[in-house]
Amino acid sequence: AIGLAMDSHGWVSVAELIEKINGTRRYHITESILDEIVRADNKGRFRYSEDGMRIKACQGHSIPWVEPELTICQPPEYLYHGTTEESWQKIRQTGAIHKMGRHAVHMQAEEAKAWQSAKRWRKTPIVLKIDSVAMHADGIVFAAAKTSRDTVSPEEP
């Protein structure tokens, strides 16, 4: 929305991000404020490049042309998916969790983090316990996002 030059994996220049946010005159941000946002985010949503010159959102991209940087992996025995009671009814009817406008369905290795996701919808939260080993045995490919946090997402088969 603010005209950032984003590469195919969602990376943007830290300097440009700060400049364009401040250019909106709606917010004022500094490198130290950005550092605190990244550090304080308990879900690992953002990541700096190794040289600290670029930043990206690590999960939940809804921009169709962004290619997530994921590593194919063996999932843990169980994963957790935070959702709402309303969505749970749809999942029961269809037998599937749909990725909606995203690249993959986001799941957590820690139940507490899935509850954080579920509560953000401001509807009745629910957390599903997923038998990821059985899904993997059925041919579903799992991939982990490259973050400093423990997130795992199944890819489309």
C-alpha atoms as a PDB file:
ATOM      1  CA  ALA A   1       0.000   0.000   0.000  1.00  0.00           C
ATOM      2  CA  ILE A   2       2.935   2.358   0.562  1.00  0.00           C
ATOM      3  CA  GLY A   3       4.790   1.335  -2.603  1.00  0.00           C
ATOM      4  CA  LEU A   4       7.641  -0.778  -1.274  1.00  0.00           C
ATOM      5  CA  ALA A   5       9.961  -2.529  -3.726  1.00  0.00           C
ATOM      6  CA  MET A   6       9.487  -6.160  -2.677  1.00  0.00           C
ATOM      7  CA  ASP A   7      11.390  -9.106  -4.141  1.00  0.00           C
ATOM      8  CA  SER A   8       9.841 -12.471  -5.006  1.00  0.00           C
ATOM      9  CA  HIS A   9      10.332 -13.782  -1.452  1.00  0.00           C
ATOM     10  CA  GLY A  10       8.822 -10.729   0.249  1.00  0.00           C
ATOM     11  CA  TRP A  11      12.062  -8.988   1.264  1.00  0.00           C
ATOM     12  CA  VAL A  12      12.104  -5.184   1.442  1.00  0.00           C
ATOM     13  CA  SER A  13      14.799  -2.652   2.295  1.00  0.00           C
ATOM     14  CA  VAL A  14      14.766  -1.638   5.970  1.00  0.00           C
ATOM     15  CA  ALA A  15      15.716   1.925   5.010  1.00  0.00           C
ATOM     16  CA  GLU A  16      12.932   2.141   2.406  1.00  0.00           C
ATOM     17  CA  LEU A  17      10.375   0.676   4.825  1.00  0.00           C
ATOM     18  CA  ILE A  18      11.214   3.258   7.476  1.00  0.00           C
ATOM     19  CA  GLU A  19      11.263   6.089   4.916  1.00  0.00           C
ATOM     20  CA  LYS A  20       7.890   5.154   3.402  1.00  0.00           C
ATOM     21  CA  ILE A  21       6.177   4.559   6.751  1.00  0.00           C
ATOM     22  CA  ASN A  22       7.365   7.975   7.937  1.00  0.00           C
ATOM     23  CA  GLY A  23       6.351   9.475   4.587  1.00  0.00           C
ATOM     24  CA  THR A  24       2.716   8.614   5.271  1.00  0.00           C
ATOM     25  CA  ARG A  25       2.872  11.101   8.176  1.00  0.00           C
ATOM     26  CA  ARG A  26       0.531   8.751  10.000  1.00  0.00           C
ATOM     27  CA  TYR A  27       3.279   6.982  11.957  1.00  0.00           C
ATOM     28  CA  HIS A  28       6.871   7.681  12.908  1.00  0.00           C
ATOM     29  CA  ILE A  29       9.291   4.772  13.102  1.00  0.00           C
ATOM     30  CA  THR A  30      13.028   4.467  13.669  1.00  0.00           C
ATOM     31  CA  GLU A  31      15.406   1.536  13.300  1.00  0.00           C
ATOM     32  CA  SER A  32      15.291   0.980  17.055  1.00  0.00           C
ATOM     33  CA  ILE A  33      11.471   0.934  17.042  1.00  0.00           C
ATOM     34  CA  LEU A  34      11.524  -1.569  14.165  1.00  0.00           C
ATOM     35  CA  ASP A  35      14.089  -3.686  16.052  1.00  0.00           C
ATOM     36  CA  GLU A  36      11.780  -3.717  19.086  1.00  0.00           C
ATOM     37  CA  ILE A  37       8.771  -4.737  16.950  1.00  0.00           C
ATOM     38  CA  VAL A  38      10.730  -7.665  15.505  1.00  0.00           C
ATOM     39  CA  ARG A  39      12.220  -8.660  18.863  1.00  0.00           C
ATOM     40  CA  ALA A  40       8.968  -8.419  20.843  1.00  0.00           C
ATOM     41  CA  ASP A  41       6.819 -10.343  18.363  1.00  0.00           C
ATOM     42  CA  ASN A  42       6.310 -13.691  20.075  1.00  0.00           C
ATOM     43  CA  LYS A  43       5.137 -15.421  16.903  1.00  0.00           C
ATOM     44  CA  GLY A  44       8.233 -14.700  14.824  1.00  0.00           C
ATOM     45  CA  ARG A  45       6.291 -12.892  12.087  1.00  0.00           C
ATOM     46  CA  PHE A  46       9.267 -10.832  10.890  1.00  0.00           C
ATOM     47  CA  ARG A  47      12.876 -11.575  10.073  1.00  0.00           C
ATOM     48  CA  TYR A  48      15.904  -9.499   9.146  1.00  0.00           C
ATOM     49  CA  SER A  49      18.334 -10.624   6.464  1.00  0.00           C
ATOM     50  CA  GLU A  50      21.736 -11.773   7.710  1.00  0.00           C
ATOM     51  CA  ASP A  51      23.245  -8.353   6.916  1.00  0.00           C
ATOM     52  CA  GLY A  52      20.321  -6.525   8.599  1.00  0.00           C
ATOM     53  CA  MET A  53      19.612  -4.457   5.483  1.00  0.00           C
ATOM     54  CA  ARG A  54      16.326  -6.180   4.542  1.00  0.00           C
ATOM     55  CA  ILE A  55      13.256  -7.390   6.408  1.00  0.00           C
ATOM     56  CA  LYS A  56      10.336  -9.645   5.559  1.00  0.00           C
ATOM     57  CA  ALA A  57       7.128 -11.078   6.921  1.00  0.00           C
ATOM     58  CA  CYS A  58       7.799 -14.774   7.482  1.00  0.00           C
ATOM     59  CA  GLN A  59       4.289 -16.173   7.462  1.00  0.00           C
ATOM     60  CA  GLY A  60       0.760 -15.519   6.333  1.00  0.00           C
ATOM     61  CA  HIS A  61       1.584 -13.834   3.055  1.00  0.00           C
ATOM     62  CA  SER A  62      -1.544 -13.110   1.053  1.00  0.00           C
ATOM     63  CA  ILE A  63       0.325 -11.515  -1.850  1.00  0.00           C
ATOM     64  CA  PRO A  64      -0.115 -14.163  -4.568  1.00  0.00           C
ATOM     65  CA  TRP A  65       3.254 -13.701  -6.250  1.00  0.00           C
ATOM     66  CA  VAL A  66       5.357 -13.891  -3.061  1.00  0.00           C
ATOM     67  CA  GLU A  67       7.145 -17.247  -2.930  1.00  0.00           C
ATOM     68  CA  PRO A  68       7.482 -18.379   0.701  1.00  0.00           C
ATOM     69  CA  GLU A  69      10.940 -19.491   1.781  1.00  0.00           C
ATOM     70  CA  LEU A  70      10.130 -22.864   3.292  1.00  0.00           C
ATOM     71  CA  THR A  71      12.176 -25.943   4.131  1.00  0.00           C
ATOM     72  CA  ILE A  72      10.540 -29.331   3.558  1.00  0.00           C
ATOM     73  CA  CYS A  73      10.573 -31.255   6.838  1.00  0.00           C
ATOM     74  CA  GLN A  74       9.242 -34.211   8.780  1.00  0.00           C
ATOM     75  CA  PRO A  75       6.449 -32.873  11.024  1.00  0.00           C
ATOM     76  CA  PRO A  76       6.247 -33.535  14.750  1.00  0.00           C
ATOM     77  CA  GLU A  77       3.663 -36.063  15.924  1.00  0.00           C
ATOM     78  CA  TYR A  78       1.040 -33.362  16.436  1.00  0.00           C
ATOM     79  CA  LEU A  79       0.539 -29.815  15.183  1.00  0.00           C
ATOM     80  CA  TYR A  80      -2.057 -27.290  16.300  1.00  0.00           C
ATOM     81  CA  HIS A  81      -4.284 -25.017  14.235  1.00  0.00           C
ATOM     82  CA  GLY A  82      -5.922 -21.972  15.802  1.00  0.00           C
ATOM     83  CA  THR A  83      -9.313 -21.111  14.333  1.00  0.00           C
ATOM     84  CA  THR A  84     -12.866 -20.213  15.374  1.00  0.00           C
ATOM     85  CA  GLU A  85     -15.951 -22.238  16.237  1.00  0.00           C
ATOM     86  CA  GLU A  86     -17.554 -20.954  13.016  1.00  0.00           C
ATOM     87  CA  SER A  87     -14.623 -22.135  10.899  1.00  0.00           C
ATOM     88  CA  TRP A  88     -14.531 -25.456  12.764  1.00  0.00           C
ATOM     89  CA  GLN A  89     -18.107 -26.121  11.594  1.00  0.00           C
ATOM     90  CA  LYS A  90     -16.997 -25.538   7.970  1.00  0.00           C
ATOM     91  CA  ILE A  91     -13.967 -27.773   8.458  1.00  0.00           C
ATOM     92  CA  ARG A  92     -16.224 -30.547   9.776  1.00  0.00           C
ATOM     93  CA  GLN A  93     -18.575 -30.171   6.790  1.00  0.00           C
ATOM     94  CA  THR A  94     -15.840 -30.191   4.134  1.00  0.00           C
ATOM     95  CA  GLY A  95     -13.314 -32.408   5.897  1.00  0.00           C
ATOM     96  CA  ALA A  96     -10.527 -29.923   5.117  1.00  0.00           C
ATOM     97  CA  ILE A  97      -8.808 -26.840   6.449  1.00  0.00           C
ATOM     98  CA  HIS A  98      -8.647 -24.388   3.565  1.00  0.00           C
ATOM     99  CA  LYS A  99      -5.718 -22.025   3.130  1.00  0.00           C
ATOM    100  CA  MET A 100      -8.052 -19.182   2.099  1.00  0.00           C
ATOM    101  CA  GLY A 101      -6.023 -16.475   0.337  1.00  0.00           C
ATOM    102  CA  ARG A 102      -2.694 -17.678   1.684  1.00  0.00           C
ATOM    103  CA  HIS A 103       0.018 -19.963   0.359  1.00  0.00           C
ATOM    104  CA  ALA A 104      -0.474 -22.672   2.988  1.00  0.00           C
ATOM    105  CA  VAL A 105      -2.396 -23.591   6.120  1.00  0.00           C
ATOM    106  CA  HIS A 106      -0.451 -22.324   9.125  1.00  0.00           C
ATOM    107  CA  MET A 107      -0.014 -24.702  12.052  1.00  0.00           C
ATOM    108  CA  GLN A 108       1.949 -24.483  15.257  1.00  0.00           C
ATOM    109  CA  ALA A 109       4.124 -27.033  17.034  1.00  0.00           C
ATOM    110  CA  GLU A 110       3.103 -25.432  20.347  1.00  0.00           C
ATOM    111  CA  GLU A 111      -0.529 -25.446  21.429  1.00  0.00           C
ATOM    112  CA  ALA A 112      -0.165 -22.116  23.260  1.00  0.00           C
ATOM    113  CA  LYS A 113       0.871 -20.363  20.038  1.00  0.00           C
ATOM    114  CA  ALA A 114      -2.135 -21.834  18.240  1.00  0.00           C
ATOM    115  CA  TRP A 115      -4.367 -20.340  20.958  1.00  0.00           C
ATOM    116  CA  GLN A 116      -2.769 -16.943  20.275  1.00  0.00           C
ATOM    117  CA  SER A 117      -3.739 -17.320  16.612  1.00  0.00           C
ATOM    118  CA  ALA A 118      -7.265 -18.446  17.441  1.00  0.00           C
ATOM    119  CA  LYS A 119      -7.934 -15.552  19.807  1.00  0.00           C
ATOM    120  CA  ARG A 120      -7.069 -12.880  17.247  1.00  0.00           C
ATOM    121  CA  TRP A 121     -10.343 -13.443  15.343  1.00  0.00           C
ATOM    122  CA  ARG A 122     -12.521 -12.000  18.164  1.00  0.00           C
ATOM    123  CA  LYS A 123     -14.935 -14.890  17.766  1.00  0.00           C
ATOM    124  CA  THR A 124     -15.162 -18.071  19.808  1.00  0.00           C
ATOM    125  CA  PRO A 125     -11.604 -19.460  19.583  1.00  0.00           C
ATOM    126  CA  ILE A 126     -10.842 -23.136  19.105  1.00  0.00           C
ATOM    127  CA  VAL A 127      -7.600 -25.061  18.624  1.00  0.00           C
ATOM    128  CA  LEU A 128      -7.482 -28.236  16.578  1.00  0.00           C
ATOM    129  CA  LYS A 129      -4.946 -30.957  17.378  1.00  0.00           C
ATOM    130  CA  ILE A 130      -3.707 -32.318  14.058  1.00  0.00           C
ATOM    131  CA  ASP A 131      -2.271 -35.836  13.604  1.00  0.00           C
ATOM    132  CA  SER A 132       0.488 -34.579  11.340  1.00  0.00           C
ATOM    133  CA  VAL A 133       2.261 -37.954  11.160  1.00  0.00           C
ATOM    134  CA  ALA A 134      -0.874 -39.501   9.626  1.00  0.00           C
ATOM    135  CA  MET A 135      -1.193 -36.571   7.201  1.00  0.00           C
ATOM    136  CA  HIS A 136       2.445 -36.984   6.196  1.00  0.00           C
ATOM    137  CA  ALA A 137       1.872 -40.722   5.669  1.00  0.00           C
ATOM    138  CA  ASP A 138      -1.048 -39.758   3.374  1.00  0.00           C
ATOM    139  CA  GLY A 139       1.337 -37.736   1.192  1.00  0.00           C
ATOM    140  CA  ILE A 140       0.903 -34.227   2.594  1.00  0.00           C
ATOM    141  CA  VAL A 141       4.201 -32.350   2.409  1.00  0.00           C
ATOM    142  CA  PHE A 142       5.156 -30.213   5.399  1.00  0.00           C
ATOM    143  CA  ALA A 143       7.488 -27.266   5.329  1.00  0.00           C
ATOM    144  CA  ALA A 144       8.865 -25.008   8.047  1.00  0.00           C
ATOM    145  CA  ALA A 145       9.095 -21.259   7.626  1.00  0.00           C
ATOM    146  CA  LYS A 146      12.547 -19.801   8.093  1.00  0.00           C
ATOM    147  CA  THR A 147      11.939 -17.894  11.310  1.00  0.00           C
ATOM    148  CA  SER A 148      13.492 -17.765  14.724  1.00  0.00           C
ATOM    149  CA  ARG A 149      10.311 -19.353  16.033  1.00  0.00           C
ATOM    150  CA  ASP A 150       8.915 -22.882  15.712  1.00  0.00           C
ATOM    151  CA  THR A 151       6.331 -22.766  12.907  1.00  0.00           C
ATOM    152  CA  VAL A 152       5.386 -25.531  10.524  1.00  0.00           C
ATOM    153  CA  SER A 153       2.967 -25.330   7.585  1.00  0.00           C
ATOM    154  CA  PRO A 154       1.711 -28.056   5.268  1.00  0.00           C
ATOM    155  CA  GLU A 155       2.155 -27.314   1.584  1.00  0.00           C
ATOM    156  CA  GLU A 156      -0.490 -28.086  -0.969  1.00  0.00           C
ATOM    157  CA  PRO A 157      -0.036 -31.686  -2.238  1.00  0.00           C
END
